[in-house]
Amino acid sequence: MKTTSTSIGEKIFNFLFVQLASAGLAYSLVNQFILDKPNKDLLLIMLCLFFASLAFSQRKKYSK
């Protein structure tokens, strides 16, 4: 059984992980399409990181 501080810490980590991945994805999308500075490697990495962060937070939510 997890303590309250552990579950709060996990929620904070999940929130920060998703937010940072979203910011990185937004940055790479702006560079790709608006500023015309294509960096497909960064876009691919940020897209994978974003989906990984969503999957991680959903797995934690439904594994109870």
PDB file of N, CA and C in Angstrom:
ATOM      1  N   MET A   1       0.841  -1.177   0.000  1.00  0.00           N
ATOM      2  CA  MET A   1       0.000   0.000   0.000  1.00  0.00           C
ATOM      3  C   MET A   1       0.888   1.243   0.000  1.00  0.00           C
ATOM      4  N   LYS A   2       0.540   2.175  -0.868  1.00  0.00           N
ATOM      5  CA  LYS A   2       1.342   3.392  -0.982  1.00  0.00           C
ATOM      6  C   LYS A   2       0.879   4.428   0.032  1.00  0.00           C
ATOM      7  N   THR A   3       1.813   5.214   0.483  1.00  0.00           N
ATOM      8  CA  THR A   3       1.464   6.280   1.396  1.00  0.00           C
ATOM      9  C   THR A   3       0.923   7.463   0.617  1.00  0.00           C
ATOM     10  N   THR A   4       0.337   8.384   1.322  1.00  0.00           N
ATOM     11  CA  THR A   4      -0.246   9.558   0.686  1.00  0.00           C
ATOM     12  C   THR A   4       0.834  10.407   0.023  1.00  0.00           C
ATOM     13  N   SER A   5       1.979  10.530   0.664  1.00  0.00           N
ATOM     14  CA  SER A   5       3.038  11.357   0.081  1.00  0.00           C
ATOM     15  C   SER A   5       3.593  10.738  -1.200  1.00  0.00           C
ATOM     16  N   THR A   6       3.601   9.413  -1.274  1.00  0.00           N
ATOM     17  CA  THR A   6       4.068   8.750  -2.493  1.00  0.00           C
ATOM     18  C   THR A   6       3.117   9.000  -3.643  1.00  0.00           C
ATOM     19  N   SER A   7       1.817   8.889  -3.398  1.00  0.00           N
ATOM     20  CA  SER A   7       0.848   9.099  -4.481  1.00  0.00           C
ATOM     21  C   SER A   7       0.819  10.560  -4.907  1.00  0.00           C
ATOM     22  N   ILE A   8       1.002  11.485  -3.978  1.00  0.00           N
ATOM     23  CA  ILE A   8       1.054  12.906  -4.338  1.00  0.00           C
ATOM     24  C   ILE A   8       2.302  13.182  -5.160  1.00  0.00           C
ATOM     25  N   GLY A   9       3.408  12.583  -4.777  1.00  0.00           N
ATOM     26  CA  GLY A   9       4.648  12.749  -5.537  1.00  0.00           C
ATOM     27  C   GLY A   9       4.520  12.202  -6.946  1.00  0.00           C
ATOM     28  N   GLU A  10       3.844  11.062  -7.097  1.00  0.00           N
ATOM     29  CA  GLU A  10       3.633  10.496  -8.430  1.00  0.00           C
ATOM     30  C   GLU A  10       2.729  11.377  -9.273  1.00  0.00           C
ATOM     31  N   LYS A  11       1.706  11.949  -8.661  1.00  0.00           N
ATOM     32  CA  LYS A  11       0.802  12.843  -9.399  1.00  0.00           C
ATOM     33  C   LYS A  11       1.541  14.086  -9.875  1.00  0.00           C
ATOM     34  N   ILE A  12       2.391  14.628  -9.021  1.00  0.00           N
ATOM     35  CA  ILE A  12       3.165  15.811  -9.399  1.00  0.00           C
ATOM     36  C   ILE A  12       4.140  15.464 -10.524  1.00  0.00           C
ATOM     37  N   PHE A  13       4.801  14.301 -10.408  1.00  0.00           N
ATOM     38  CA  PHE A  13       5.729  13.867 -11.451  1.00  0.00           C
ATOM     39  C   PHE A  13       5.003  13.654 -12.773  1.00  0.00           C
ATOM     40  N   ASN A  14       3.841  13.004 -12.738  1.00  0.00           N
ATOM     41  CA  ASN A  14       3.065  12.783 -13.963  1.00  0.00           C
ATOM     42  C   ASN A  14       2.667  14.109 -14.599  1.00  0.00           C
ATOM     43  N   PHE A  15       2.201  15.046 -13.778  1.00  0.00           N
ATOM     44  CA  PHE A  15       1.798  16.357 -14.295  1.00  0.00           C
ATOM     45  C   PHE A  15       2.976  17.067 -14.946  1.00  0.00           C
ATOM     46  N   LEU A  16       4.122  17.084 -14.275  1.00  0.00           N
ATOM     47  CA  LEU A  16       5.296  17.761 -14.823  1.00  0.00           C
ATOM     48  C   LEU A  16       5.804  17.069 -16.081  1.00  0.00           C
ATOM     49  N   PHE A  17       5.767  15.744 -16.103  1.00  0.00           N
ATOM     50  CA  PHE A  17       6.228  14.978 -17.261  1.00  0.00           C
ATOM     51  C   PHE A  17       5.371  15.288 -18.481  1.00  0.00           C
ATOM     52  N   VAL A  18       4.055  15.319 -18.301  1.00  0.00           N
ATOM     53  CA  VAL A  18       3.154  15.617 -19.415  1.00  0.00           C
ATOM     54  C   VAL A  18       3.321  17.068 -19.859  1.00  0.00           C
ATOM     55  N   GLN A  19       3.448  17.995 -18.925  1.00  0.00           N
ATOM     56  CA  GLN A  19       3.579  19.405 -19.276  1.00  0.00           C
ATOM     57  C   GLN A  19       4.890  19.679 -20.016  1.00  0.00           C
ATOM     58  N   LEU A  20       5.979  19.108 -19.560  1.00  0.00           N
ATOM     59  CA  LEU A  20       7.264  19.320 -20.240  1.00  0.00           C
ATOM     60  C   LEU A  20       7.275  18.678 -21.624  1.00  0.00           C
ATOM     61  N   ALA A  21       6.662  17.521 -21.739  1.00  0.00           N
ATOM     62  CA  ALA A  21       6.572  16.874 -23.054  1.00  0.00           C
ATOM     63  C   ALA A  21       5.692  17.698 -23.995  1.00  0.00           C
ATOM     64  N   SER A  22       4.630  18.274 -23.471  1.00  0.00           N
ATOM     65  CA  SER A  22       3.753  19.121 -24.284  1.00  0.00           C
ATOM     66  C   SER A  22       4.481  20.381 -24.748  1.00  0.00           C
ATOM     67  N   ALA A  23       5.250  20.972 -23.844  1.00  0.00           N
ATOM     68  CA  ALA A  23       6.007  22.171 -24.213  1.00  0.00           C
ATOM     69  C   ALA A  23       7.055  21.845 -25.274  1.00  0.00           C
ATOM     70  N   GLY A  24       7.726  20.729 -25.130  1.00  0.00           N
ATOM     71  CA  GLY A  24       8.719  20.320 -26.132  1.00  0.00           C
ATOM     72  C   GLY A  24       8.081  20.023 -27.472  1.00  0.00           C
ATOM     73  N   LEU A  25       6.916  19.395 -27.457  1.00  0.00           N
ATOM     74  CA  LEU A  25       6.204  19.108 -28.698  1.00  0.00           C
ATOM     75  C   LEU A  25       5.737  20.401 -29.357  1.00  0.00           C
ATOM     76  N   ALA A  26       5.229  21.334 -28.569  1.00  0.00           N
ATOM     77  CA  ALA A  26       4.793  22.622 -29.122  1.00  0.00           C
ATOM     78  C   ALA A  26       5.978  23.369 -29.729  1.00  0.00           C
ATOM     79  N   TYR A  27       7.110  23.358 -29.042  1.00  0.00           N
ATOM     80  CA  TYR A  27       8.316  24.021 -29.560  1.00  0.00           C
ATOM     81  C   TYR A  27       8.752  23.416 -30.885  1.00  0.00           C
ATOM     82  N   SER A  28       8.754  22.096 -30.964  1.00  0.00           N
ATOM     83  CA  SER A  28       9.198  21.463 -32.203  1.00  0.00           C
ATOM     84  C   SER A  28       8.191  21.669 -33.334  1.00  0.00           C
ATOM     85  N   LEU A  29       6.890  21.714 -33.017  1.00  0.00           N
ATOM     86  CA  LEU A  29       5.886  21.980 -34.047  1.00  0.00           C
ATOM     87  C   LEU A  29       5.974  23.410 -34.568  1.00  0.00           C
ATOM     88  N   VAL A  30       6.227  24.351 -33.676  1.00  0.00           N
ATOM     89  CA  VAL A  30       6.399  25.750 -34.103  1.00  0.00           C
ATOM     90  C   VAL A  30       7.626  25.872 -34.992  1.00  0.00           C
ATOM     91  N   ASN A  31       8.719  25.247 -34.610  1.00  0.00           N
ATOM     92  CA  ASN A  31       9.913  25.283 -35.455  1.00  0.00           C
ATOM     93  C   ASN A  31       9.662  24.637 -36.810  1.00  0.00           C
ATOM     94  N   GLN A  32       8.923  23.545 -36.818  1.00  0.00           N
ATOM     95  CA  GLN A  32       8.707  22.792 -38.049  1.00  0.00           C
ATOM     96  C   GLN A  32       7.813  23.548 -39.029  1.00  0.00           C
ATOM     97  N   PHE A  33       6.687  24.069 -38.565  1.00  0.00           N
ATOM     98  CA  PHE A  33       5.679  24.574 -39.480  1.00  0.00           C
ATOM     99  C   PHE A  33       5.584  26.096 -39.547  1.00  0.00           C
ATOM    100  N   ILE A  34       5.846  26.792 -38.470  1.00  0.00           N
ATOM    101  CA  ILE A  34       5.685  28.249 -38.484  1.00  0.00           C
ATOM    102  C   ILE A  34       6.990  28.949 -38.830  1.00  0.00           C
ATOM    103  N   LEU A  35       8.083  28.538 -38.216  1.00  0.00           N
ATOM    104  CA  LEU A  35       9.367  29.203 -38.452  1.00  0.00           C
ATOM    105  C   LEU A  35      10.138  28.620 -39.629  1.00  0.00           C
ATOM    106  N   ASP A  36       9.632  27.548 -40.211  1.00  0.00           N
ATOM    107  CA  ASP A  36      10.282  26.871 -41.342  1.00  0.00           C
ATOM    108  C   ASP A  36      11.737  26.504 -41.054  1.00  0.00           C
ATOM    109  N   LYS A  37      11.962  26.002 -39.858  1.00  0.00           N
ATOM    110  CA  LYS A  37      13.273  25.470 -39.489  1.00  0.00           C
ATOM    111  C   LYS A  37      13.084  23.988 -39.184  1.00  0.00           C
ATOM    112  N   PRO A  38      12.952  23.173 -40.223  1.00  0.00           N
ATOM    113  CA  PRO A  38      12.616  21.768 -39.980  1.00  0.00           C
ATOM    114  C   PRO A  38      13.715  21.006 -39.256  1.00  0.00           C
ATOM    115  N   ASN A  39      13.307  20.372 -38.193  1.00  0.00           N
ATOM    116  CA  ASN A  39      14.186  19.481 -37.446  1.00  0.00           C
ATOM    117  C   ASN A  39      13.353  18.243 -37.128  1.00  0.00           C
ATOM    118  N   LYS A  40      13.314  17.324 -38.089  1.00  0.00           N
ATOM    119  CA  LYS A  40      12.428  16.169 -37.956  1.00  0.00           C
ATOM    120  C   LYS A  40      12.856  15.233 -36.841  1.00  0.00           C
ATOM    121  N   ASP A  41      14.132  15.210 -36.525  1.00  0.00           N
ATOM    122  CA  ASP A  41      14.586  14.359 -35.424  1.00  0.00           C
ATOM    123  C   ASP A  41      14.009  14.847 -34.089  1.00  0.00           C
ATOM    124  N   LEU A  42      14.080  16.158 -33.861  1.00  0.00           N
ATOM    125  CA  LEU A  42      13.525  16.716 -32.630  1.00  0.00           C
ATOM    126  C   LEU A  42      12.017  16.503 -32.574  1.00  0.00           C
ATOM    127  N   LEU A  43      11.348  16.696 -33.708  1.00  0.00           N
ATOM    128  CA  LEU A  43       9.899  16.498 -33.758  1.00  0.00           C
ATOM    129  C   LEU A  43       9.539  15.055 -33.430  1.00  0.00           C
ATOM    130  N   LEU A  44      10.258  14.109 -33.976  1.00  0.00           N
ATOM    131  CA  LEU A  44       9.984  12.700 -33.719  1.00  0.00           C
ATOM    132  C   LEU A  44      10.242  12.339 -32.255  1.00  0.00           C
ATOM    133  N   ILE A  45      11.328  12.833 -31.709  1.00  0.00           N
ATOM    134  CA  ILE A  45      11.657  12.555 -30.311  1.00  0.00           C
ATOM    135  C   ILE A  45      10.603  13.148 -29.383  1.00  0.00           C
ATOM    136  N   MET A  46      10.201  14.379 -29.637  1.00  0.00           N
ATOM    137  CA  MET A  46       9.203  15.020 -28.785  1.00  0.00           C
ATOM    138  C   MET A  46       7.833  14.363 -28.918  1.00  0.00           C
ATOM    139  N   LEU A  47       7.504  13.916 -30.113  1.00  0.00           N
ATOM    140  CA  LEU A  47       6.234  13.228 -30.309  1.00  0.00           C
ATOM    141  C   LEU A  47       6.218  11.905 -29.538  1.00  0.00           C
ATOM    142  N   CYS A  48       7.300  11.161 -29.620  1.00  0.00           N
ATOM    143  CA  CYS A  48       7.387   9.898 -28.870  1.00  0.00           C
ATOM    144  C   CYS A  48       7.378  10.142 -27.364  1.00  0.00           C
ATOM    145  N   LEU A  49       8.082  11.168 -26.919  1.00  0.00           N
ATOM    146  CA  LEU A  49       8.110  11.492 -25.493  1.00  0.00           C
ATOM    147  C   LEU A  49       6.734  11.919 -25.003  1.00  0.00           C
ATOM    148  N   PHE A  50       6.006  12.669 -25.824  1.00  0.00           N
ATOM    149  CA  PHE A  50       4.666  13.104 -25.454  1.00  0.00           C
ATOM    150  C   PHE A  50       3.731  11.904 -25.295  1.00  0.00           C
ATOM    151  N   PHE A  51       3.755  10.990 -26.269  1.00  0.00           N
ATOM    152  CA  PHE A  51       2.895   9.813 -26.169  1.00  0.00           C
ATOM    153  C   PHE A  51       3.322   8.903 -25.022  1.00  0.00           C
ATOM    154  N   ALA A  52       4.607   8.831 -24.767  1.00  0.00           N
ATOM    155  CA  ALA A  52       5.084   8.027 -23.643  1.00  0.00           C
ATOM    156  C   ALA A  52       4.613   8.624 -22.316  1.00  0.00           C
ATOM    157  N   SER A  53       4.633   9.939 -22.195  1.00  0.00           N
ATOM    158  CA  SER A  53       4.176  10.566 -20.955  1.00  0.00           C
ATOM    159  C   SER A  53       2.686  10.354 -20.749  1.00  0.00           C
ATOM    160  N   LEU A  54       1.900  10.429 -21.822  1.00  0.00           N
ATOM    161  CA  LEU A  54       0.468  10.168 -21.695  1.00  0.00           C
ATOM    162  C   LEU A  54       0.209   8.713 -21.323  1.00  0.00           C
ATOM    163  N   ALA A  55       0.915   7.807 -21.953  1.00  0.00           N
ATOM    164  CA  ALA A  55       0.732   6.386 -21.645  1.00  0.00           C
ATOM    165  C   ALA A  55       1.152   6.080 -20.209  1.00  0.00           C
ATOM    166  N   PHE A  56       2.224   6.718 -19.750  1.00  0.00           N
ATOM    167  CA  PHE A  56       2.695   6.501 -18.388  1.00  0.00           C
ATOM    168  C   PHE A  56       1.664   6.978 -17.373  1.00  0.00           C
ATOM    169  N   SER A  57       1.093   8.154 -17.607  1.00  0.00           N
ATOM    170  CA  SER A  57       0.107   8.672 -16.660  1.00  0.00           C
ATOM    171  C   SER A  57      -1.183   7.857 -16.705  1.00  0.00           C
ATOM    172  N   GLN A  58      -1.589   7.375 -17.885  1.00  0.00           N
ATOM    173  CA  GLN A  58      -2.789   6.552 -17.975  1.00  0.00           C
ATOM    174  C   GLN A  58      -2.570   5.185 -17.330  1.00  0.00           C
ATOM    175  N   ARG A  59      -1.376   4.631 -17.474  1.00  0.00           N
ATOM    176  CA  ARG A  59      -1.080   3.337 -16.861  1.00  0.00           C
ATOM    177  C   ARG A  59      -1.147   3.439 -15.347  1.00  0.00           C
ATOM    178  N   LYS A  60      -0.620   4.525 -14.802  1.00  0.00           N
ATOM    179  CA  LYS A  60      -0.669   4.714 -13.364  1.00  0.00           C
ATOM    180  C   LYS A  60      -2.103   4.903 -12.891  1.00  0.00           C
ATOM    181  N   LYS A  61      -2.928   5.557 -13.706  1.00  0.00           N
ATOM    182  CA  LYS A  61      -4.305   5.819 -13.315  1.00  0.00           C
ATOM    183  C   LYS A  61      -5.132   4.536 -13.284  1.00  0.00           C
ATOM    184  N   TYR A  62      -4.947   3.654 -14.269  1.00  0.00           N
ATOM    185  CA  TYR A  62      -5.793   2.468 -14.386  1.00  0.00           C
ATOM    186  C   TYR A  62      -5.181   1.206 -13.790  1.00  0.00           C
ATOM    187  N   SER A  63      -4.002   1.290 -13.209  1.00  0.00           N
ATOM    188  CA  SER A  63      -3.378   0.087 -12.655  1.00  0.00           C
ATOM    189  C   SER A  63      -3.827  -0.191 -11.223  1.00  0.00           C
ATOM    190  N   LYS A  64      -4.712   0.600 -10.698  1.00  0.00           N
ATOM    191  CA  LYS A  64      -5.154   0.433  -9.302  1.00  0.00           C
ATOM    192  C   LYS A  64      -6.168  -0.658  -9.169  1.00  0.00           C
TER     193      LYS A  64
END
